Amino acid sequence: MTLEKEIHQIKPFRNMYHNAYVNLIYTGKWILQFTSELLRQYNLTPQQYNVLRILRGKYPEAATVIYVRERMLDRMSDASRIIELLRVKGFVERNICADNRRKMDVLITQKGLLLLEEIDSRNNRVMDNKLSTLNEMEVSHLIHLLDKLRDNDS
């Protein structure tokens, strides 16, 4: 279905760039919505899931909050608050530096690793299914175009 029909657009877009811009925002929200629905079953937000994945990538080493923040998909999120929520749930451990209380190391726990394993087994199927309307060449082209679009920011 075209974006115009999806959002019940009456007036045409100003031009193709305007259409593409709105389409990117709409499609990003669409992807985030089905990801959120999947993660809700595990009492996680997409931001918490992102932090767990970052920590798993660094495992078995600990990561600093700055390390996590620099790699987050949603850089406007409060990494410290997210880490604390994950700590309360038992998915991460944090060690506050005795010399500098603002500095802390964060490590994903075994419980966090097992949770990610479970989520990944479902999420991979859901994600692949959502994108399966595109063939591998189209997906490769999409990735290239999105990377090219972000390269324009430098």
N, C-alpha and C. Protein backbone atom coordinates (compact mmCIF):
# COMPACT_ATOMS: atom_id res chain seq x y z
N MET A 1 0.85 -1.18 0.00
CA MET A 1 0.00 0.00 0.00
C MET A 1 0.90 1.24 0.00
N THR A 2 0.53 2.23 -0.79
CA THR A 2 1.32 3.45 -0.86
C THR A 2 1.19 4.23 0.45
N LEU A 3 2.17 5.05 0.70
CA LEU A 3 2.15 5.89 1.91
C LEU A 3 0.92 6.79 1.92
N GLU A 4 0.59 7.35 0.77
CA GLU A 4 -0.56 8.26 0.69
C GLU A 4 -1.84 7.57 1.16
N LYS A 5 -2.03 6.32 0.75
CA LYS A 5 -3.22 5.58 1.18
C LYS A 5 -3.12 5.22 2.66
N GLU A 6 -1.93 4.85 3.09
CA GLU A 6 -1.71 4.43 4.48
C GLU A 6 -2.05 5.56 5.46
N ILE A 7 -1.66 6.78 5.11
CA ILE A 7 -1.88 7.91 6.03
C ILE A 7 -3.08 8.76 5.61
N HIS A 8 -3.83 8.29 4.63
CA HIS A 8 -5.03 8.98 4.14
C HIS A 8 -4.70 10.41 3.70
N GLN A 9 -3.65 10.54 2.93
CA GLN A 9 -3.19 11.83 2.44
C GLN A 9 -4.12 12.33 1.34
N ILE A 10 -4.54 13.57 1.46
CA ILE A 10 -5.44 14.16 0.47
C ILE A 10 -4.63 14.95 -0.57
N LYS A 11 -3.81 15.89 -0.11
CA LYS A 11 -2.97 16.67 -1.02
C LYS A 11 -1.74 15.86 -1.38
N PRO A 12 -1.25 16.01 -2.60
CA PRO A 12 -0.03 15.29 -2.98
C PRO A 12 1.19 15.85 -2.23
N PHE A 13 2.22 15.03 -2.13
CA PHE A 13 3.46 15.51 -1.53
C PHE A 13 4.05 16.61 -2.40
N ARG A 14 4.82 17.49 -1.79
CA ARG A 14 5.44 18.61 -2.48
C ARG A 14 6.32 18.12 -3.64
N ASN A 15 7.05 17.02 -3.39
CA ASN A 15 7.90 16.39 -4.41
C ASN A 15 8.31 15.01 -3.92
N MET A 16 9.12 14.31 -4.67
CA MET A 16 9.54 12.95 -4.30
C MET A 16 10.40 12.96 -3.02
N TYR A 17 11.18 14.01 -2.82
CA TYR A 17 12.01 14.09 -1.61
C TYR A 17 11.13 14.17 -0.37
N HIS A 18 10.08 14.97 -0.46
CA HIS A 18 9.13 15.10 0.65
C HIS A 18 8.47 13.75 0.93
N ASN A 19 8.05 13.06 -0.12
CA ASN A 19 7.44 11.74 0.01
C ASN A 19 8.42 10.77 0.68
N ALA A 20 9.66 10.75 0.21
CA ALA A 20 10.67 9.85 0.77
C ALA A 20 10.93 10.17 2.24
N TYR A 21 11.00 11.44 2.58
CA TYR A 21 11.27 11.86 3.95
C TYR A 21 10.17 11.38 4.90
N VAL A 22 8.93 11.64 4.53
CA VAL A 22 7.80 11.22 5.36
C VAL A 22 7.73 9.69 5.41
N ASN A 23 8.01 9.05 4.28
CA ASN A 23 7.98 7.59 4.20
C ASN A 23 9.02 6.96 5.14
N LEU A 24 10.21 7.54 5.20
CA LEU A 24 11.24 7.04 6.11
C LEU A 24 10.79 7.14 7.56
N ILE A 25 10.21 8.28 7.93
CA ILE A 25 9.73 8.47 9.30
C ILE A 25 8.62 7.47 9.60
N TYR A 26 7.67 7.35 8.70
CA TYR A 26 6.53 6.45 8.90
C TYR A 26 7.00 4.99 9.00
N THR A 27 7.88 4.59 8.11
CA THR A 27 8.36 3.21 8.10
C THR A 27 9.21 2.91 9.33
N GLY A 28 10.01 3.87 9.76
CA GLY A 28 10.79 3.70 10.99
C GLY A 28 9.89 3.47 12.19
N LYS A 29 8.82 4.26 12.27
CA LYS A 29 7.85 4.10 13.37
C LYS A 29 7.14 2.75 13.28
N TRP A 30 6.85 2.30 12.07
CA TRP A 30 6.19 1.01 11.84
C TRP A 30 7.07 -0.13 12.35
N ILE A 31 8.36 -0.06 12.03
CA ILE A 31 9.30 -1.08 12.49
C ILE A 31 9.42 -1.03 14.01
N LEU A 32 9.53 0.17 14.56
CA LEU A 32 9.64 0.32 16.01
C LEU A 32 8.40 -0.20 16.72
N GLN A 33 7.24 -0.02 16.11
CA GLN A 33 5.99 -0.49 16.73
C GLN A 33 5.96 -2.01 16.85
N PHE A 34 6.30 -2.74 15.80
CA PHE A 34 6.24 -4.20 15.94
C PHE A 34 7.37 -4.72 16.80
N THR A 35 8.50 -4.00 16.84
CA THR A 35 9.59 -4.38 17.75
C THR A 35 9.15 -4.17 19.19
N SER A 36 8.50 -3.05 19.46
CA SER A 36 8.01 -2.75 20.81
C SER A 36 7.01 -3.79 21.28
N GLU A 37 6.13 -4.21 20.38
CA GLU A 37 5.13 -5.22 20.74
C GLU A 37 5.79 -6.55 21.12
N LEU A 38 6.82 -6.93 20.39
CA LEU A 38 7.54 -8.15 20.71
C LEU A 38 8.24 -8.02 22.07
N LEU A 39 8.91 -6.89 22.30
CA LEU A 39 9.67 -6.70 23.53
C LEU A 39 8.77 -6.52 24.75
N ARG A 40 7.56 -6.03 24.54
CA ARG A 40 6.62 -5.84 25.65
C ARG A 40 6.34 -7.17 26.36
N GLN A 41 6.38 -8.27 25.62
CA GLN A 41 6.17 -9.59 26.21
C GLN A 41 7.27 -9.94 27.22
N TYR A 42 8.40 -9.27 27.09
CA TYR A 42 9.53 -9.51 27.99
C TYR A 42 9.72 -8.36 28.98
N ASN A 43 8.77 -7.45 29.01
CA ASN A 43 8.81 -6.28 29.88
C ASN A 43 10.06 -5.43 29.61
N LEU A 44 10.38 -5.27 28.33
CA LEU A 44 11.52 -4.46 27.91
C LEU A 44 11.07 -3.39 26.92
N THR A 45 11.78 -2.27 26.91
CA THR A 45 11.59 -1.25 25.89
C THR A 45 12.65 -1.48 24.80
N PRO A 46 12.45 -0.91 23.62
CA PRO A 46 13.49 -1.02 22.59
C PRO A 46 14.84 -0.47 23.06
N GLN A 47 14.82 0.59 23.85
CA GLN A 47 16.06 1.16 24.35
C GLN A 47 16.77 0.20 25.31
N GLN A 48 16.02 -0.46 26.19
CA GLN A 48 16.61 -1.44 27.10
C GLN A 48 17.19 -2.62 26.32
N TYR A 49 16.47 -3.06 25.31
CA TYR A 49 16.94 -4.15 24.45
C TYR A 49 18.23 -3.74 23.75
N ASN A 50 18.28 -2.52 23.26
CA ASN A 50 19.47 -2.01 22.60
C ASN A 50 20.67 -2.01 23.55
N VAL A 51 20.47 -1.57 24.79
CA VAL A 51 21.56 -1.56 25.78
C VAL A 51 22.04 -2.98 26.06
N LEU A 52 21.11 -3.91 26.22
CA LEU A 52 21.50 -5.30 26.47
C LEU A 52 22.32 -5.85 25.30
N ARG A 53 21.93 -5.53 24.09
CA ARG A 53 22.68 -6.01 22.92
C ARG A 53 24.07 -5.40 22.86
N ILE A 54 24.19 -4.14 23.22
CA ILE A 54 25.50 -3.48 23.25
C ILE A 54 26.39 -4.16 24.28
N LEU A 55 25.83 -4.43 25.46
CA LEU A 55 26.61 -5.08 26.51
C LEU A 55 26.99 -6.51 26.13
N ARG A 56 26.10 -7.20 25.43
CA ARG A 56 26.43 -8.55 24.98
C ARG A 56 27.58 -8.50 23.98
N GLY A 57 27.61 -7.48 23.15
CA GLY A 57 28.69 -7.33 22.18
C GLY A 57 30.04 -7.10 22.84
N LYS A 58 30.05 -6.53 24.00
CA LYS A 58 31.29 -6.24 24.74
C LYS A 58 31.67 -7.40 25.67
N TYR A 59 30.69 -8.25 26.00
CA TYR A 59 30.89 -9.35 26.94
C TYR A 59 32.02 -10.27 26.48
N PRO A 60 32.89 -10.75 27.38
CA PRO A 60 32.81 -10.76 28.83
C PRO A 60 33.40 -9.53 29.52
N GLU A 61 33.80 -8.54 28.72
CA GLU A 61 34.32 -7.32 29.32
C GLU A 61 33.17 -6.41 29.74
N ALA A 62 33.44 -5.59 30.74
CA ALA A 62 32.45 -4.59 31.16
C ALA A 62 32.54 -3.39 30.23
N ALA A 63 31.51 -2.58 30.23
CA ALA A 63 31.47 -1.36 29.42
C ALA A 63 31.18 -0.17 30.32
N THR A 64 31.63 0.98 29.92
CA THR A 64 31.29 2.20 30.64
C THR A 64 29.96 2.72 30.10
N VAL A 65 29.35 3.61 30.85
CA VAL A 65 28.09 4.22 30.41
C VAL A 65 28.34 5.02 29.13
N ILE A 66 29.47 5.67 29.04
CA ILE A 66 29.81 6.45 27.84
C ILE A 66 29.90 5.53 26.62
N TYR A 67 30.53 4.37 26.80
CA TYR A 67 30.63 3.38 25.72
C TYR A 67 29.24 3.00 25.24
N VAL A 68 28.34 2.73 26.17
CA VAL A 68 26.97 2.34 25.83
C VAL A 68 26.26 3.49 25.11
N ARG A 69 26.34 4.68 25.67
CA ARG A 69 25.65 5.85 25.11
C ARG A 69 26.08 6.12 23.66
N GLU A 70 27.39 5.98 23.38
CA GLU A 70 27.91 6.25 22.04
C GLU A 70 27.39 5.26 21.00
N ARG A 71 26.94 4.09 21.44
CA ARG A 71 26.52 3.05 20.52
C ARG A 71 25.00 2.88 20.44
N MET A 72 24.27 3.61 21.26
CA MET A 72 22.82 3.46 21.29
C MET A 72 22.19 3.97 20.00
N LEU A 73 21.14 3.29 19.56
CA LEU A 73 20.41 3.72 18.37
C LEU A 73 19.65 5.01 18.65
N ASP A 74 19.10 5.13 19.85
CA ASP A 74 18.36 6.32 20.26
C ASP A 74 19.25 7.09 21.23
N ARG A 75 20.03 8.01 20.70
CA ARG A 75 21.03 8.72 21.51
C ARG A 75 20.41 9.71 22.48
N MET A 76 19.12 9.95 22.35
CA MET A 76 18.45 10.87 23.27
C MET A 76 18.04 10.16 24.56
N SER A 77 18.20 8.85 24.59
CA SER A 77 17.81 8.09 25.78
C SER A 77 18.79 8.35 26.91
N ASP A 78 18.30 8.21 28.12
CA ASP A 78 19.13 8.35 29.32
C ASP A 78 19.74 6.99 29.64
N ALA A 79 20.97 6.78 29.19
CA ALA A 79 21.63 5.48 29.35
C ALA A 79 21.75 5.08 30.82
N SER A 80 22.08 6.03 31.68
CA SER A 80 22.24 5.71 33.10
C SER A 80 20.94 5.18 33.71
N ARG A 81 19.83 5.81 33.36
CA ARG A 81 18.53 5.40 33.88
C ARG A 81 18.15 4.01 33.33
N ILE A 82 18.41 3.79 32.07
CA ILE A 82 18.11 2.50 31.46
C ILE A 82 18.93 1.39 32.11
N ILE A 83 20.20 1.66 32.34
CA ILE A 83 21.07 0.68 32.99
C ILE A 83 20.57 0.36 34.39
N GLU A 84 20.12 1.37 35.11
CA GLU A 84 19.60 1.14 36.46
C GLU A 84 18.34 0.26 36.41
N LEU A 85 17.46 0.52 35.47
CA LEU A 85 16.26 -0.31 35.33
C LEU A 85 16.63 -1.76 35.00
N LEU A 86 17.62 -1.94 34.16
CA LEU A 86 18.08 -3.29 33.81
C LEU A 86 18.76 -3.96 35.01
N ARG A 87 19.44 -3.17 35.83
CA ARG A 87 20.08 -3.72 37.04
C ARG A 87 19.02 -4.23 38.01
N VAL A 88 17.97 -3.45 38.20
CA VAL A 88 16.89 -3.84 39.10
C VAL A 88 16.23 -5.14 38.62
N LYS A 89 16.15 -5.33 37.31
CA LYS A 89 15.56 -6.55 36.75
C LYS A 89 16.53 -7.73 36.77
N GLY A 90 17.80 -7.46 37.14
CA GLY A 90 18.79 -8.53 37.23
C GLY A 90 19.49 -8.86 35.92
N PHE A 91 19.36 -7.99 34.92
CA PHE A 91 19.95 -8.26 33.61
C PHE A 91 21.37 -7.70 33.46
N VAL A 92 21.74 -6.76 34.31
CA VAL A 92 23.09 -6.20 34.29
C VAL A 92 23.59 -5.99 35.72
N GLU A 93 24.90 -5.93 35.83
CA GLU A 93 25.56 -5.56 37.09
C GLU A 93 26.33 -4.29 36.81
N ARG A 94 26.43 -3.46 37.81
CA ARG A 94 27.25 -2.25 37.65
C ARG A 94 28.18 -2.13 38.83
N ASN A 95 29.35 -1.64 38.55
CA ASN A 95 30.35 -1.40 39.58
C ASN A 95 30.76 0.05 39.52
N ILE A 96 30.48 0.77 40.59
CA ILE A 96 30.82 2.19 40.65
C ILE A 96 32.26 2.33 41.10
N CYS A 97 33.01 3.15 40.38
CA CYS A 97 34.42 3.38 40.67
C CYS A 97 34.55 4.10 42.02
N ALA A 98 35.41 3.61 42.87
CA ALA A 98 35.60 4.20 44.20
C ALA A 98 36.19 5.61 44.11
N ASP A 99 37.06 5.84 43.12
CA ASP A 99 37.71 7.15 42.97
C ASP A 99 36.81 8.20 42.33
N ASN A 100 35.90 7.75 41.48
CA ASN A 100 35.04 8.67 40.74
C ASN A 100 33.64 8.07 40.67
N ARG A 101 32.75 8.52 41.54
CA ARG A 101 31.42 7.92 41.64
C ARG A 101 30.59 8.11 40.38
N ARG A 102 30.99 9.05 39.50
CA ARG A 102 30.25 9.24 38.25
C ARG A 102 30.64 8.19 37.21
N LYS A 103 31.74 7.51 37.44
CA LYS A 103 32.19 6.49 36.49
C LYS A 103 31.75 5.12 36.99
N MET A 104 31.17 4.33 36.09
CA MET A 104 30.78 2.98 36.47
C MET A 104 31.00 2.04 35.30
N ASP A 105 31.29 0.80 35.64
CA ASP A 105 31.40 -0.26 34.66
C ASP A 105 30.13 -1.08 34.71
N VAL A 106 29.66 -1.50 33.54
CA VAL A 106 28.41 -2.25 33.44
C VAL A 106 28.70 -3.55 32.71
N LEU A 107 28.14 -4.64 33.24
CA LEU A 107 28.35 -5.96 32.67
C LEU A 107 27.00 -6.68 32.56
N ILE A 108 26.75 -7.29 31.44
CA ILE A 108 25.51 -8.06 31.29
C ILE A 108 25.63 -9.33 32.12
N THR A 109 24.55 -9.73 32.76
CA THR A 109 24.55 -10.94 33.59
C THR A 109 24.17 -12.15 32.74
N GLN A 110 24.32 -13.32 33.32
CA GLN A 110 23.90 -14.55 32.64
C GLN A 110 22.40 -14.49 32.35
N LYS A 111 21.64 -13.95 33.28
CA LYS A 111 20.20 -13.80 33.10
C LYS A 111 19.91 -12.92 31.88
N GLY A 112 20.68 -11.85 31.72
CA GLY A 112 20.52 -10.96 30.57
C GLY A 112 20.88 -11.65 29.27
N LEU A 113 21.94 -12.44 29.29
CA LEU A 113 22.36 -13.18 28.10
C LEU A 113 21.30 -14.20 27.68
N LEU A 114 20.74 -14.89 28.67
CA LEU A 114 19.70 -15.88 28.37
C LEU A 114 18.44 -15.21 27.81
N LEU A 115 18.09 -14.06 28.36
CA LEU A 115 16.94 -13.31 27.86
C LEU A 115 17.15 -12.92 26.40
N LEU A 116 18.33 -12.41 26.08
CA LEU A 116 18.61 -12.02 24.70
C LEU A 116 18.53 -13.21 23.76
N GLU A 117 19.02 -14.34 24.21
CA GLU A 117 18.95 -15.55 23.39
C GLU A 117 17.50 -15.89 23.05
N GLU A 118 16.64 -15.81 24.06
CA GLU A 118 15.22 -16.12 23.86
C GLU A 118 14.56 -15.10 22.93
N ILE A 119 14.85 -13.82 23.16
CA ILE A 119 14.27 -12.77 22.32
C ILE A 119 14.76 -12.91 20.89
N ASP A 120 16.05 -13.14 20.72
CA ASP A 120 16.62 -13.24 19.38
C ASP A 120 15.98 -14.35 18.56
N SER A 121 15.68 -15.46 19.20
CA SER A 121 15.09 -16.57 18.45
C SER A 121 13.73 -16.18 17.87
N ARG A 122 12.98 -15.36 18.59
CA ARG A 122 11.68 -14.89 18.08
C ARG A 122 11.84 -13.67 17.19
N ASN A 123 12.66 -12.74 17.62
CA ASN A 123 12.83 -11.48 16.89
C ASN A 123 13.40 -11.72 15.50
N ASN A 124 14.35 -12.64 15.37
CA ASN A 124 14.94 -12.90 14.06
C ASN A 124 13.88 -13.36 13.07
N ARG A 125 12.99 -14.23 13.52
CA ARG A 125 11.92 -14.71 12.64
C ARG A 125 10.97 -13.56 12.28
N VAL A 126 10.58 -12.78 13.26
CA VAL A 126 9.65 -11.67 13.04
C VAL A 126 10.28 -10.64 12.09
N MET A 127 11.52 -10.28 12.36
CA MET A 127 12.20 -9.28 11.55
C MET A 127 12.36 -9.77 10.11
N ASP A 128 12.82 -11.00 9.95
CA ASP A 128 12.98 -11.54 8.60
C ASP A 128 11.64 -11.59 7.88
N ASN A 129 10.59 -11.95 8.60
CA ASN A 129 9.26 -12.03 8.00
C ASN A 129 8.79 -10.64 7.54
N LYS A 130 9.00 -9.62 8.37
CA LYS A 130 8.56 -8.27 8.02
C LYS A 130 9.27 -7.75 6.77
N LEU A 131 10.52 -8.15 6.60
CA LEU A 131 11.29 -7.66 5.45
C LEU A 131 11.27 -8.61 4.27
N SER A 132 10.55 -9.72 4.40
CA SER A 132 10.58 -10.76 3.36
C SER A 132 9.90 -10.36 2.06
N THR A 133 9.20 -9.23 2.05
CA THR A 133 8.64 -8.78 0.78
C THR A 133 9.73 -8.28 -0.16
N LEU A 134 10.91 -8.06 0.39
CA LEU A 134 12.07 -7.67 -0.42
C LEU A 134 12.97 -8.88 -0.63
N ASN A 135 13.53 -9.02 -1.82
CA ASN A 135 14.51 -10.09 -2.03
C ASN A 135 15.87 -9.61 -1.53
N GLU A 136 16.85 -10.50 -1.52
CA GLU A 136 18.16 -10.16 -0.96
C GLU A 136 18.82 -9.00 -1.69
N MET A 137 18.66 -8.93 -3.01
CA MET A 137 19.26 -7.83 -3.77
C MET A 137 18.60 -6.51 -3.38
N GLU A 138 17.28 -6.52 -3.20
CA GLU A 138 16.57 -5.31 -2.80
C GLU A 138 16.97 -4.88 -1.39
N VAL A 139 17.14 -5.83 -0.49
CA VAL A 139 17.58 -5.50 0.87
C VAL A 139 18.97 -4.90 0.83
N SER A 140 19.86 -5.49 0.05
CA SER A 140 21.22 -4.97 -0.09
C SER A 140 21.18 -3.54 -0.64
N HIS A 141 20.34 -3.31 -1.62
CA HIS A 141 20.20 -1.97 -2.21
C HIS A 141 19.63 -0.99 -1.18
N LEU A 142 18.64 -1.42 -0.41
CA LEU A 142 18.07 -0.58 0.64
C LEU A 142 19.13 -0.18 1.65
N ILE A 143 19.91 -1.15 2.10
CA ILE A 143 20.99 -0.87 3.06
C ILE A 143 21.96 0.16 2.47
N HIS A 144 22.33 -0.05 1.23
CA HIS A 144 23.26 0.89 0.56
C HIS A 144 22.66 2.29 0.51
N LEU A 145 21.39 2.39 0.14
CA LEU A 145 20.75 3.70 0.04
C LEU A 145 20.64 4.39 1.39
N LEU A 146 20.29 3.64 2.44
CA LEU A 146 20.18 4.24 3.78
C LEU A 146 21.55 4.71 4.27
N ASP A 147 22.58 3.89 4.03
CA ASP A 147 23.95 4.30 4.41
C ASP A 147 24.35 5.57 3.65
N LYS A 148 24.03 5.61 2.36
CA LYS A 148 24.36 6.77 1.53
C LYS A 148 23.64 8.01 2.04
N LEU A 149 22.39 7.85 2.41
CA LEU A 149 21.62 8.98 2.93
C LEU A 149 22.26 9.55 4.19
N ARG A 150 22.69 8.68 5.11
CA ARG A 150 23.33 9.15 6.35
C ARG A 150 24.72 9.73 6.08
N ASP A 151 25.40 9.27 5.05
CA ASP A 151 26.71 9.83 4.71
C ASP A 151 26.61 11.31 4.32
N ASN A 152 25.45 11.71 3.88
CA ASN A 152 25.20 13.10 3.48
C ASN A 152 25.26 14.04 4.69
N ASP A 153 25.23 13.48 5.88
CA ASP A 153 25.22 14.27 7.12
C ASP A 153 26.60 14.80 7.50
N SER A 154 27.65 14.28 6.88
CA SER A 154 29.01 14.70 7.29
C SER A 154 29.50 15.93 6.60
